[in-house]
Amino acid sequence: MASLRHEFYETDEKLTISIFDRGADPAQVSLTFEPNKVNYANGEKTLSLEPLKGRIDPERCDFTVGKVKVEIRLVKMTQGRWGGITGDAPDPLQTAPIGPTTSPAVAEARAKPKKNWEELTTKILSSEKEATTDEDPNVGGDSTVNSFFQKIFGDADDNAKRAMMKSFQESGGTTLSTNWEEVSKGTVEVKPPTGSEWKKWN
């Protein structure tokens, strides 16, 4: 029975074994995976690795046959380094299931209460909710402002209506007053917005 040279390298999640079997025929190579054992066979050439230093997940292990070597990938059931392929040493991290590495910072972040993002979003959206025209007459632009003034005009008495028309016309649309007593005393002055200049167009 020919012995086969092999070597390995590992990560916390996987252990990869290279078996140097030059010119191996993929149709002839067979591998069996068990939780603590791997068997390799290629005709007369065999290699049995047991007991493995840690348990593996047979369903997720695989291999590829190359021209020079056969590469076997063992998926560890528990995260951690074995430091070898076989041995009686118990898996040092038998109790730690495979998962993302938990650093102290991550553990601390997990301990903090989680934010309820849905509730936060609802709160922000409701605070940004558009004001109604009753709350702010400028909300909908000119058409809303016009309807706002129409509402005031419609609800006003005759004197207020006269004051609104006179003040609006005489001030060139810069003033709107509902106080007839004040407006009736004379011409309503033009009051352009700050920083603007009033020009009469012919």
N, C-alpha and C. Protein backbone atom coordinates (compact mmCIF):
# COMPACT_ATOMS: atom_id res chain seq x y z
N MET A 1 0.85 -1.18 0.00
CA MET A 1 0.00 0.00 0.00
C MET A 1 0.89 1.24 0.00
N ALA A 2 0.76 2.06 -1.04
CA ALA A 2 1.60 3.25 -1.15
C ALA A 2 1.12 4.32 -0.18
N SER A 3 2.10 4.97 0.48
CA SER A 3 1.69 6.06 1.39
C SER A 3 1.67 7.36 0.60
N LEU A 4 0.79 8.24 0.99
CA LEU A 4 0.60 9.50 0.25
C LEU A 4 1.05 10.69 1.10
N ARG A 5 1.90 11.53 0.48
CA ARG A 5 2.33 12.73 1.18
C ARG A 5 1.17 13.72 1.20
N HIS A 6 1.01 14.36 2.30
CA HIS A 6 -0.06 15.36 2.39
C HIS A 6 0.34 16.48 3.34
N GLU A 7 -0.29 17.64 3.13
CA GLU A 7 -0.08 18.79 4.00
C GLU A 7 -1.39 19.55 4.14
N PHE A 8 -1.42 20.50 5.06
CA PHE A 8 -2.70 21.21 5.26
C PHE A 8 -2.45 22.67 5.64
N TYR A 9 -3.49 23.47 5.46
CA TYR A 9 -3.52 24.82 6.03
C TYR A 9 -4.95 25.04 6.49
N GLU A 10 -5.14 25.98 7.41
CA GLU A 10 -6.49 26.16 7.97
C GLU A 10 -6.84 27.61 8.25
N THR A 11 -8.14 27.85 8.32
CA THR A 11 -8.70 29.10 8.82
C THR A 11 -9.57 28.71 10.01
N ASP A 12 -10.22 29.67 10.64
CA ASP A 12 -11.10 29.33 11.76
C ASP A 12 -12.28 28.47 11.30
N GLU A 13 -12.70 28.63 10.04
CA GLU A 13 -13.90 27.92 9.56
C GLU A 13 -13.59 26.62 8.80
N LYS A 14 -12.42 26.58 8.11
CA LYS A 14 -12.13 25.41 7.25
C LYS A 14 -10.71 24.90 7.45
N LEU A 15 -10.51 23.61 7.12
CA LEU A 15 -9.18 23.03 7.08
C LEU A 15 -9.02 22.41 5.69
N THR A 16 -7.98 22.82 4.97
CA THR A 16 -7.77 22.33 3.60
C THR A 16 -6.57 21.39 3.58
N ILE A 17 -6.78 20.18 3.06
CA ILE A 17 -5.72 19.17 2.98
C ILE A 17 -5.35 18.96 1.51
N SER A 18 -4.05 19.00 1.23
CA SER A 18 -3.56 18.69 -0.12
C SER A 18 -2.91 17.31 -0.09
N ILE A 19 -3.47 16.37 -0.88
CA ILE A 19 -2.88 15.03 -0.99
C ILE A 19 -2.17 14.96 -2.33
N PHE A 20 -0.85 14.72 -2.30
CA PHE A 20 -0.05 14.73 -3.52
C PHE A 20 -0.15 13.37 -4.21
N ASP A 21 -1.07 13.30 -5.17
CA ASP A 21 -1.32 12.05 -5.91
C ASP A 21 -1.33 12.43 -7.39
N ARG A 22 -0.13 12.56 -7.96
CA ARG A 22 0.03 13.04 -9.34
C ARG A 22 -0.72 12.16 -10.34
N GLY A 23 -1.43 12.82 -11.26
CA GLY A 23 -2.15 12.11 -12.32
C GLY A 23 -3.34 11.31 -11.86
N ALA A 24 -3.89 11.64 -10.69
CA ALA A 24 -5.07 10.91 -10.18
C ALA A 24 -6.24 11.08 -11.15
N ASP A 25 -6.94 9.98 -11.40
CA ASP A 25 -8.11 10.00 -12.29
C ASP A 25 -9.34 10.34 -11.45
N PRO A 26 -10.01 11.47 -11.76
CA PRO A 26 -11.19 11.86 -10.98
C PRO A 26 -12.23 10.75 -10.86
N ALA A 27 -12.32 9.88 -11.89
CA ALA A 27 -13.31 8.80 -11.87
C ALA A 27 -12.92 7.72 -10.86
N GLN A 28 -11.62 7.63 -10.55
CA GLN A 28 -11.14 6.58 -9.63
C GLN A 28 -11.05 7.05 -8.17
N VAL A 29 -10.98 8.37 -7.99
CA VAL A 29 -10.79 8.92 -6.64
C VAL A 29 -12.10 8.88 -5.87
N SER A 30 -12.05 8.37 -4.64
CA SER A 30 -13.25 8.39 -3.79
C SER A 30 -12.89 8.91 -2.41
N LEU A 31 -13.79 9.71 -1.86
CA LEU A 31 -13.58 10.27 -0.52
C LEU A 31 -14.83 10.06 0.30
N THR A 32 -14.65 9.67 1.56
CA THR A 32 -15.80 9.57 2.47
C THR A 32 -15.53 10.48 3.65
N PHE A 33 -16.55 11.25 4.00
CA PHE A 33 -16.43 12.18 5.12
C PHE A 33 -17.34 11.72 6.26
N GLU A 34 -16.79 11.68 7.45
CA GLU A 34 -17.57 11.39 8.65
C GLU A 34 -17.28 12.52 9.65
N PRO A 35 -18.11 12.69 10.69
CA PRO A 35 -17.90 13.82 11.60
C PRO A 35 -16.48 13.93 12.17
N ASN A 36 -15.79 12.77 12.36
CA ASN A 36 -14.43 12.87 12.92
C ASN A 36 -13.42 12.02 12.13
N LYS A 37 -13.72 11.85 10.81
CA LYS A 37 -12.87 10.95 10.03
C LYS A 37 -13.00 11.27 8.53
N VAL A 38 -11.85 11.13 7.80
CA VAL A 38 -11.83 11.31 6.34
C VAL A 38 -11.07 10.14 5.75
N ASN A 39 -11.65 9.50 4.73
CA ASN A 39 -10.98 8.39 4.04
C ASN A 39 -10.79 8.74 2.57
N TYR A 40 -9.54 8.58 2.08
CA TYR A 40 -9.21 8.84 0.67
C TYR A 40 -8.78 7.53 0.03
N ALA A 41 -9.29 7.29 -1.18
CA ALA A 41 -8.87 6.09 -1.91
C ALA A 41 -8.75 6.38 -3.39
N ASN A 42 -7.66 5.87 -3.99
CA ASN A 42 -7.45 5.96 -5.43
C ASN A 42 -6.74 4.67 -5.84
N GLY A 43 -7.54 3.66 -6.20
CA GLY A 43 -6.99 2.34 -6.51
C GLY A 43 -6.33 1.76 -5.27
N GLU A 44 -5.02 1.47 -5.35
CA GLU A 44 -4.27 0.90 -4.23
C GLU A 44 -3.87 1.96 -3.20
N LYS A 45 -3.90 3.21 -3.65
CA LYS A 45 -3.46 4.29 -2.75
C LYS A 45 -4.60 4.70 -1.83
N THR A 46 -4.36 4.64 -0.55
CA THR A 46 -5.39 5.06 0.41
C THR A 46 -4.78 5.92 1.50
N LEU A 47 -5.62 6.73 2.11
CA LEU A 47 -5.18 7.54 3.24
C LEU A 47 -6.37 7.71 4.18
N SER A 48 -6.17 7.34 5.43
CA SER A 48 -7.24 7.46 6.41
C SER A 48 -6.78 8.45 7.48
N LEU A 49 -7.59 9.49 7.69
CA LEU A 49 -7.25 10.50 8.69
C LEU A 49 -8.27 10.44 9.82
N GLU A 50 -7.84 9.88 10.97
CA GLU A 50 -8.75 9.78 12.13
C GLU A 50 -7.95 9.57 13.42
N PRO A 51 -8.49 9.96 14.55
CA PRO A 51 -9.64 10.86 14.67
C PRO A 51 -9.21 12.28 14.36
N LEU A 52 -10.08 13.01 13.70
CA LEU A 52 -9.77 14.42 13.41
C LEU A 52 -9.73 15.19 14.71
N LYS A 53 -8.96 16.27 14.74
CA LYS A 53 -8.81 17.04 15.98
C LYS A 53 -10.10 17.74 16.38
N GLY A 54 -10.96 17.98 15.42
CA GLY A 54 -12.26 18.60 15.70
C GLY A 54 -13.30 17.97 14.79
N ARG A 55 -14.55 18.24 15.08
CA ARG A 55 -15.62 17.65 14.27
C ARG A 55 -15.84 18.47 13.00
N ILE A 56 -16.25 17.76 11.92
CA ILE A 56 -16.53 18.43 10.65
C ILE A 56 -17.97 18.21 10.25
N ASP A 57 -18.43 19.01 9.30
CA ASP A 57 -19.79 18.87 8.76
C ASP A 57 -19.67 18.11 7.43
N PRO A 58 -19.90 16.77 7.42
CA PRO A 58 -19.70 15.97 6.20
C PRO A 58 -20.48 16.49 4.99
N GLU A 59 -21.66 17.04 5.25
CA GLU A 59 -22.51 17.50 4.14
C GLU A 59 -21.88 18.66 3.37
N ARG A 60 -21.06 19.46 4.05
CA ARG A 60 -20.52 20.67 3.42
C ARG A 60 -19.06 20.53 2.98
N CYS A 61 -18.47 19.36 3.22
CA CYS A 61 -17.08 19.14 2.81
C CYS A 61 -17.04 18.76 1.33
N ASP A 62 -15.95 19.13 0.64
CA ASP A 62 -15.83 18.75 -0.77
C ASP A 62 -14.36 18.60 -1.15
N PHE A 63 -14.11 18.25 -2.43
CA PHE A 63 -12.72 18.08 -2.89
C PHE A 63 -12.65 18.32 -4.38
N THR A 64 -11.42 18.60 -4.86
CA THR A 64 -11.18 18.74 -6.30
C THR A 64 -9.93 17.94 -6.64
N VAL A 65 -9.97 17.30 -7.81
CA VAL A 65 -8.83 16.49 -8.27
C VAL A 65 -8.06 17.29 -9.31
N GLY A 66 -6.79 17.57 -9.02
CA GLY A 66 -5.93 18.29 -9.97
C GLY A 66 -4.89 17.36 -10.57
N LYS A 67 -4.01 17.92 -11.43
CA LYS A 67 -2.99 17.10 -12.10
C LYS A 67 -1.94 16.60 -11.12
N VAL A 68 -1.65 17.42 -10.10
CA VAL A 68 -0.58 17.07 -9.16
C VAL A 68 -1.11 16.62 -7.81
N LYS A 69 -2.22 17.22 -7.40
CA LYS A 69 -2.73 16.92 -6.05
C LYS A 69 -4.25 16.92 -6.01
N VAL A 70 -4.76 16.32 -4.94
CA VAL A 70 -6.20 16.33 -4.65
C VAL A 70 -6.38 17.25 -3.45
N GLU A 71 -7.25 18.24 -3.60
CA GLU A 71 -7.46 19.20 -2.51
C GLU A 71 -8.80 18.91 -1.83
N ILE A 72 -8.71 18.69 -0.53
CA ILE A 72 -9.91 18.37 0.27
C ILE A 72 -10.21 19.54 1.20
N ARG A 73 -11.46 19.99 1.20
CA ARG A 73 -11.87 21.10 2.07
C ARG A 73 -12.83 20.60 3.14
N LEU A 74 -12.37 20.66 4.39
CA LEU A 74 -13.20 20.22 5.52
C LEU A 74 -13.82 21.45 6.20
N VAL A 75 -15.13 21.42 6.36
CA VAL A 75 -15.82 22.53 7.03
C VAL A 75 -15.98 22.18 8.50
N LYS A 76 -15.42 23.02 9.37
CA LYS A 76 -15.44 22.75 10.82
C LYS A 76 -16.83 23.01 11.41
N MET A 77 -17.18 22.16 12.35
CA MET A 77 -18.46 22.35 13.05
C MET A 77 -18.37 23.50 14.04
N THR A 78 -17.17 23.69 14.59
CA THR A 78 -16.96 24.79 15.53
C THR A 78 -15.77 25.60 15.09
N GLN A 79 -15.86 26.88 15.35
CA GLN A 79 -14.84 27.81 14.88
C GLN A 79 -13.58 27.72 15.74
N GLY A 80 -12.43 27.80 15.10
CA GLY A 80 -11.17 27.79 15.83
C GLY A 80 -10.09 27.04 15.07
N ARG A 81 -8.85 27.20 15.51
CA ARG A 81 -7.71 26.52 14.87
C ARG A 81 -7.43 25.19 15.55
N TRP A 82 -7.14 24.18 14.74
CA TRP A 82 -6.84 22.86 15.29
C TRP A 82 -5.34 22.72 15.56
N GLY A 83 -4.52 23.29 14.69
CA GLY A 83 -3.08 23.16 14.84
C GLY A 83 -2.55 21.84 14.30
N GLY A 84 -3.42 21.00 13.77
CA GLY A 84 -3.04 19.70 13.19
C GLY A 84 -4.29 19.08 12.60
N ILE A 85 -4.12 17.94 11.90
CA ILE A 85 -5.29 17.29 11.30
C ILE A 85 -5.90 16.27 12.26
N THR A 86 -5.05 15.42 12.80
CA THR A 86 -5.56 14.36 13.69
C THR A 86 -4.98 14.50 15.09
N GLY A 87 -5.65 13.86 16.02
CA GLY A 87 -5.17 13.88 17.41
C GLY A 87 -6.32 13.69 18.37
N ASP A 88 -5.95 13.40 19.62
CA ASP A 88 -6.98 13.16 20.63
C ASP A 88 -7.42 14.43 21.34
N ALA A 89 -6.72 15.53 21.03
CA ALA A 89 -7.06 16.77 21.74
C ALA A 89 -8.50 17.15 21.43
N PRO A 90 -9.27 17.48 22.48
CA PRO A 90 -10.64 17.90 22.21
C PRO A 90 -10.65 19.25 21.52
N ASP A 91 -11.71 19.46 20.78
CA ASP A 91 -11.85 20.74 20.08
C ASP A 91 -11.86 21.86 21.12
N PRO A 92 -10.91 22.81 21.06
CA PRO A 92 -10.85 23.86 22.08
C PRO A 92 -12.09 24.75 22.12
N LEU A 93 -12.79 24.80 21.02
CA LEU A 93 -13.97 25.68 20.99
C LEU A 93 -15.25 24.88 20.72
N GLN A 94 -15.31 23.70 21.31
CA GLN A 94 -16.47 22.82 21.08
C GLN A 94 -17.79 23.51 21.40
N THR A 95 -17.75 24.40 22.38
CA THR A 95 -19.00 25.05 22.81
C THR A 95 -19.35 26.27 21.98
N ALA A 96 -18.38 26.74 21.16
CA ALA A 96 -18.66 27.95 20.38
C ALA A 96 -19.14 27.59 18.99
N PRO A 97 -20.42 27.82 18.67
CA PRO A 97 -20.90 27.49 17.33
C PRO A 97 -20.29 28.42 16.29
N ILE A 98 -20.20 27.91 15.05
CA ILE A 98 -19.64 28.73 13.98
C ILE A 98 -20.53 29.96 13.81
N GLY A 99 -19.90 31.05 13.65
CA GLY A 99 -20.64 32.31 13.44
C GLY A 99 -19.63 33.43 13.36
N PRO A 100 -20.09 34.66 13.18
CA PRO A 100 -19.16 35.77 13.08
C PRO A 100 -18.36 35.91 14.37
N THR A 101 -17.10 36.28 14.26
CA THR A 101 -16.26 36.46 15.44
C THR A 101 -16.84 37.57 16.29
N THR A 102 -16.98 37.31 17.57
CA THR A 102 -17.53 38.32 18.47
C THR A 102 -16.42 39.00 19.24
N SER A 103 -16.08 40.21 18.81
CA SER A 103 -15.06 40.98 19.52
C SER A 103 -15.73 41.67 20.69
N PRO A 104 -14.95 42.15 21.69
CA PRO A 104 -15.57 42.86 22.83
C PRO A 104 -16.43 44.03 22.39
N ALA A 105 -15.97 44.75 21.34
CA ALA A 105 -16.74 45.92 20.87
C ALA A 105 -18.10 45.48 20.33
N VAL A 106 -18.09 44.35 19.57
CA VAL A 106 -19.34 43.83 19.00
C VAL A 106 -20.27 43.37 20.12
N ALA A 107 -19.68 42.67 21.10
CA ALA A 107 -20.48 42.17 22.22
C ALA A 107 -21.12 43.34 22.97
N GLU A 108 -20.35 44.43 23.13
CA GLU A 108 -20.88 45.61 23.83
C GLU A 108 -22.01 46.24 23.02
N ALA A 109 -21.81 46.29 21.69
CA ALA A 109 -22.84 46.88 20.82
C ALA A 109 -24.12 46.05 20.89
N ARG A 110 -23.95 44.70 20.99
CA ARG A 110 -25.13 43.83 21.07
C ARG A 110 -25.87 44.02 22.38
N ALA A 111 -25.11 44.32 23.42
CA ALA A 111 -25.73 44.46 24.75
C ALA A 111 -26.60 45.71 24.83
N LYS A 112 -26.24 46.72 24.02
CA LYS A 112 -27.03 47.96 24.06
C LYS A 112 -28.40 47.70 23.46
N PRO A 113 -29.43 48.39 23.96
CA PRO A 113 -30.75 48.19 23.38
C PRO A 113 -30.78 48.68 21.94
N LYS A 114 -31.47 47.92 21.10
CA LYS A 114 -31.53 48.29 19.69
C LYS A 114 -32.51 49.42 19.47
N LYS A 115 -32.19 50.27 18.51
CA LYS A 115 -33.10 51.36 18.17
C LYS A 115 -34.26 50.79 17.36
N ASN A 116 -35.44 51.32 17.61
CA ASN A 116 -36.59 50.93 16.81
C ASN A 116 -36.64 51.87 15.61
N TRP A 117 -36.00 51.43 14.50
CA TRP A 117 -35.87 52.32 13.35
C TRP A 117 -37.22 52.66 12.74
N GLU A 118 -38.15 51.71 12.80
CA GLU A 118 -39.47 51.97 12.21
C GLU A 118 -40.18 53.11 12.94
N GLU A 119 -40.09 53.04 14.28
CA GLU A 119 -40.72 54.08 15.09
C GLU A 119 -40.06 55.43 14.86
N LEU A 120 -38.72 55.42 14.74
CA LEU A 120 -37.97 56.64 14.51
C LEU A 120 -38.33 57.27 13.17
N THR A 121 -38.44 56.41 12.14
CA THR A 121 -38.81 56.90 10.80
C THR A 121 -40.19 57.53 10.82
N THR A 122 -41.14 56.86 11.49
CA THR A 122 -42.50 57.39 11.57
C THR A 122 -42.50 58.75 12.25
N LYS A 123 -41.70 58.86 13.32
CA LYS A 123 -41.64 60.12 14.07
C LYS A 123 -41.10 61.25 13.18
N ILE A 124 -40.02 60.95 12.43
CA ILE A 124 -39.41 61.96 11.57
C ILE A 124 -40.38 62.37 10.47
N LEU A 125 -41.01 61.36 9.85
CA LEU A 125 -41.95 61.67 8.77
C LEU A 125 -43.13 62.50 9.25
N SER A 126 -43.63 62.18 10.46
CA SER A 126 -44.77 62.93 10.97
C SER A 126 -44.36 64.36 11.34
N SER A 127 -43.09 64.52 11.79
CA SER A 127 -42.65 65.87 12.14
C SER A 127 -42.40 66.70 10.88
N GLU A 128 -42.12 65.98 9.75
CA GLU A 128 -41.88 66.70 8.49
C GLU A 128 -43.16 66.80 7.66
N LYS A 129 -44.29 66.37 8.23
CA LYS A 129 -45.55 66.37 7.49
C LYS A 129 -45.89 67.80 7.08
N GLU A 130 -46.32 67.93 5.84
CA GLU A 130 -46.63 69.26 5.32
C GLU A 130 -47.73 69.91 6.13
N ALA A 131 -47.52 71.18 6.42
CA ALA A 131 -48.55 71.92 7.16
C ALA A 131 -49.77 72.11 6.29
N THR A 132 -50.92 72.23 6.90
CA THR A 132 -52.15 72.46 6.14
C THR A 132 -52.23 73.95 5.80
N THR A 133 -53.13 74.30 4.89
CA THR A 133 -53.26 75.71 4.50
C THR A 133 -53.77 76.56 5.65
N ASP A 134 -54.49 75.93 6.59
CA ASP A 134 -54.95 76.69 7.77
C ASP A 134 -53.77 77.06 8.66
N GLU A 135 -52.75 76.14 8.71
CA GLU A 135 -51.57 76.40 9.55
C GLU A 135 -50.61 77.37 8.87
N ASP A 136 -50.46 77.25 7.54
CA ASP A 136 -49.55 78.12 6.80
C ASP A 136 -50.12 78.37 5.41
N PRO A 137 -50.60 79.60 5.14
CA PRO A 137 -51.24 79.88 3.85
C PRO A 137 -50.27 79.80 2.67
N ASN A 138 -48.96 79.78 2.92
CA ASN A 138 -47.99 79.73 1.82
C ASN A 138 -47.65 78.32 1.37
N VAL A 139 -48.24 77.31 2.04
CA VAL A 139 -47.89 75.91 1.77
C VAL A 139 -48.02 75.51 0.31
N GLY A 140 -49.11 75.82 -0.33
CA GLY A 140 -49.34 75.33 -1.69
C GLY A 140 -48.97 76.29 -2.79
N GLY A 141 -48.25 77.36 -2.51
CA GLY A 141 -47.87 78.32 -3.55
C GLY A 141 -48.98 79.30 -3.82
N ASP A 142 -48.90 79.97 -4.99
CA ASP A 142 -49.82 81.07 -5.34
C ASP A 142 -51.28 80.68 -5.31
N SER A 143 -51.58 79.49 -5.87
CA SER A 143 -53.00 79.10 -5.95
C SER A 143 -53.60 78.97 -4.56
N THR A 144 -52.82 78.44 -3.62
CA THR A 144 -53.31 78.28 -2.25
C THR A 144 -53.46 79.64 -1.57
N VAL A 145 -52.47 80.53 -1.83
CA VAL A 145 -52.53 81.88 -1.24
C VAL A 145 -53.77 82.60 -1.76
N ASN A 146 -54.03 82.47 -3.06
CA ASN A 146 -55.21 83.11 -3.65
C ASN A 146 -56.49 82.60 -3.01
N SER A 147 -56.56 81.26 -2.83
CA SER A 147 -57.79 80.71 -2.23
C SER A 147 -57.91 81.15 -0.77
N PHE A 148 -56.73 81.34 -0.10
CA PHE A 148 -56.73 81.84 1.28
C PHE A 148 -57.33 83.25 1.34
N PHE A 149 -56.88 84.12 0.40
CA PHE A 149 -57.41 85.49 0.37
C PHE A 149 -58.88 85.52 -0.04
N GLN A 150 -59.27 84.61 -0.94
CA GLN A 150 -60.68 84.52 -1.33
C GLN A 150 -61.55 84.14 -0.14
N LYS A 151 -61.01 83.26 0.70
CA LYS A 151 -61.75 82.83 1.90
C LYS A 151 -61.94 84.02 2.84
N ILE A 152 -60.83 84.80 3.04
CA ILE A 152 -60.93 85.99 3.90
C ILE A 152 -61.95 86.97 3.32
N PHE A 153 -61.85 87.19 2.00
CA PHE A 153 -62.73 88.14 1.32
C PHE A 153 -64.19 87.68 1.42
N GLY A 154 -64.41 86.38 1.22
CA GLY A 154 -65.77 85.83 1.27
C GLY A 154 -66.39 85.94 2.65
N ASP A 155 -65.57 85.83 3.71
CA ASP A 155 -66.08 85.88 5.08
C ASP A 155 -66.17 87.31 5.63
N ALA A 156 -65.61 88.28 4.87
CA ALA A 156 -65.54 89.66 5.37
C ALA A 156 -66.87 90.41 5.17
N ASP A 157 -67.08 91.48 5.98
CA ASP A 157 -68.27 92.34 5.77
C ASP A 157 -67.97 93.32 4.65
N ASP A 158 -68.95 94.15 4.29
CA ASP A 158 -68.81 95.06 3.14
C ASP A 158 -67.65 96.03 3.31
N ASN A 159 -67.49 96.60 4.52
CA ASN A 159 -66.40 97.55 4.75
C ASN A 159 -65.03 96.89 4.60
N ALA A 160 -64.89 95.69 5.11
CA ALA A 160 -63.61 94.97 5.00
C ALA A 160 -63.30 94.65 3.54
N LYS A 161 -64.36 94.29 2.78
CA LYS A 161 -64.17 93.98 1.35
C LYS A 161 -63.71 95.23 0.61
N ARG A 162 -64.36 96.39 0.92
CA ARG A 162 -63.97 97.65 0.27
C ARG A 162 -62.52 97.98 0.61
N ALA A 163 -62.15 97.77 1.89
CA ALA A 163 -60.79 98.08 2.34
C ALA A 163 -59.78 97.19 1.62
N MET A 164 -60.10 95.91 1.45
CA MET A 164 -59.20 94.99 0.77
C MET A 164 -58.97 95.40 -0.68
N MET A 165 -60.08 95.72 -1.39
CA MET A 165 -59.95 96.09 -2.81
C MET A 165 -59.17 97.39 -2.99
N LYS A 166 -59.50 98.40 -2.16
CA LYS A 166 -58.83 99.71 -2.26
C LYS A 166 -57.34 99.59 -1.93
N SER A 167 -57.03 98.91 -0.82
CA SER A 167 -55.62 98.80 -0.40
C SER A 167 -54.80 98.00 -1.39
N PHE A 168 -55.39 96.96 -1.94
CA PHE A 168 -54.67 96.11 -2.88
C PHE A 168 -54.37 96.85 -4.18
N GLN A 169 -55.41 97.58 -4.72
CA GLN A 169 -55.25 98.30 -5.99
C GLN A 169 -54.28 99.48 -5.86
N GLU A 170 -54.48 100.29 -4.82
CA GLU A 170 -53.67 101.51 -4.69
C GLU A 170 -52.21 101.20 -4.33
N SER A 171 -51.96 100.09 -3.63
CA SER A 171 -50.59 99.76 -3.24
C SER A 171 -49.88 98.90 -4.28
N GLY A 172 -50.55 98.67 -5.41
CA GLY A 172 -49.94 97.84 -6.45
C GLY A 172 -49.75 96.40 -6.00
N GLY A 173 -50.65 95.93 -5.14
CA GLY A 173 -50.60 94.54 -4.67
C GLY A 173 -49.60 94.30 -3.55
N THR A 174 -49.05 95.38 -2.97
CA THR A 174 -48.06 95.20 -1.90
C THR A 174 -48.69 95.26 -0.51
N THR A 175 -49.93 95.73 -0.42
CA THR A 175 -50.61 95.83 0.88
C THR A 175 -52.02 95.31 0.75
N LEU A 176 -52.49 94.62 1.79
CA LEU A 176 -53.88 94.16 1.82
C LEU A 176 -54.39 94.41 3.24
N SER A 177 -55.36 95.29 3.32
CA SER A 177 -55.89 95.64 4.64
C SER A 177 -57.39 95.42 4.68
N THR A 178 -57.88 95.03 5.85
CA THR A 178 -59.33 94.86 6.02
C THR A 178 -59.90 95.99 6.89
N ASN A 179 -59.06 96.97 7.22
CA ASN A 179 -59.48 98.08 8.08
C ASN A 179 -59.94 99.27 7.23
N TRP A 180 -61.26 99.34 6.98
CA TRP A 180 -61.81 100.39 6.11
C TRP A 180 -61.60 101.78 6.72
N GLU A 181 -61.69 101.88 8.03
CA GLU A 181 -61.54 103.16 8.72
C GLU A 181 -60.19 103.79 8.40
N GLU A 182 -59.15 102.98 8.37
CA GLU A 182 -57.80 103.47 8.09
C GLU A 182 -57.60 103.71 6.60
N VAL A 183 -58.05 102.74 5.76
CA VAL A 183 -57.85 102.80 4.30
C VAL A 183 -58.62 103.97 3.68
N SER A 184 -59.80 104.29 4.21
CA SER A 184 -60.65 105.33 3.62
C SER A 184 -60.08 106.73 3.80
N LYS A 185 -59.10 106.89 4.67
CA LYS A 185 -58.55 108.23 4.96
C LYS A 185 -57.70 108.77 3.82
N GLY A 186 -57.17 107.94 2.95
CA GLY A 186 -56.34 108.45 1.85
C GLY A 186 -55.81 107.31 1.00
N THR A 187 -54.89 107.66 0.10
CA THR A 187 -54.30 106.67 -0.79
C THR A 187 -53.37 105.75 0.00
N VAL A 188 -53.48 104.48 -0.30
CA VAL A 188 -52.63 103.49 0.38
C VAL A 188 -51.26 103.48 -0.30
N GLU A 189 -50.23 103.62 0.51
CA GLU A 189 -48.86 103.69 -0.03
C GLU A 189 -48.39 102.33 -0.56
N VAL A 190 -47.52 102.43 -1.57
CA VAL A 190 -46.89 101.22 -2.10
C VAL A 190 -45.77 100.83 -1.14
N LYS A 191 -45.73 99.57 -0.71
CA LYS A 191 -44.69 99.10 0.22
C LYS A 191 -44.01 97.86 -0.38
N PRO A 192 -43.01 98.09 -1.25
CA PRO A 192 -42.34 96.92 -1.85
C PRO A 192 -41.56 96.15 -0.79
N PRO A 193 -41.34 94.86 -1.00
CA PRO A 193 -40.58 94.06 -0.03
C PRO A 193 -39.17 94.65 0.16
N THR A 194 -38.59 94.40 1.32
CA THR A 194 -37.25 94.90 1.64
C THR A 194 -36.26 94.47 0.57
N GLY A 195 -35.47 95.43 0.12
CA GLY A 195 -34.45 95.13 -0.89
C GLY A 195 -34.96 95.28 -2.31
N SER A 196 -36.28 95.58 -2.51
CA SER A 196 -36.81 95.77 -3.86
C SER A 196 -37.19 97.24 -4.07
N GLU A 197 -37.30 97.58 -5.33
CA GLU A 197 -37.65 98.96 -5.69
C GLU A 197 -38.92 98.93 -6.51
N TRP A 198 -39.85 99.85 -6.21
CA TRP A 198 -41.13 99.89 -6.92
C TRP A 198 -40.99 100.70 -8.18
N LYS A 199 -41.43 100.15 -9.32
CA LYS A 199 -41.42 100.88 -10.60
C LYS A 199 -42.80 100.78 -11.20
N LYS A 200 -43.28 101.92 -11.69
CA LYS A 200 -44.62 101.94 -12.32
C LYS A 200 -44.42 101.66 -13.79
N TRP A 201 -45.18 100.72 -14.29
CA TRP A 201 -45.10 100.38 -15.72
C TRP A 201 -46.17 101.10 -16.48
N ASN A 202 -45.78 101.70 -17.63
CA ASN A 202 -46.74 102.43 -18.45
C ASN A 202 -47.45 101.49 -19.41
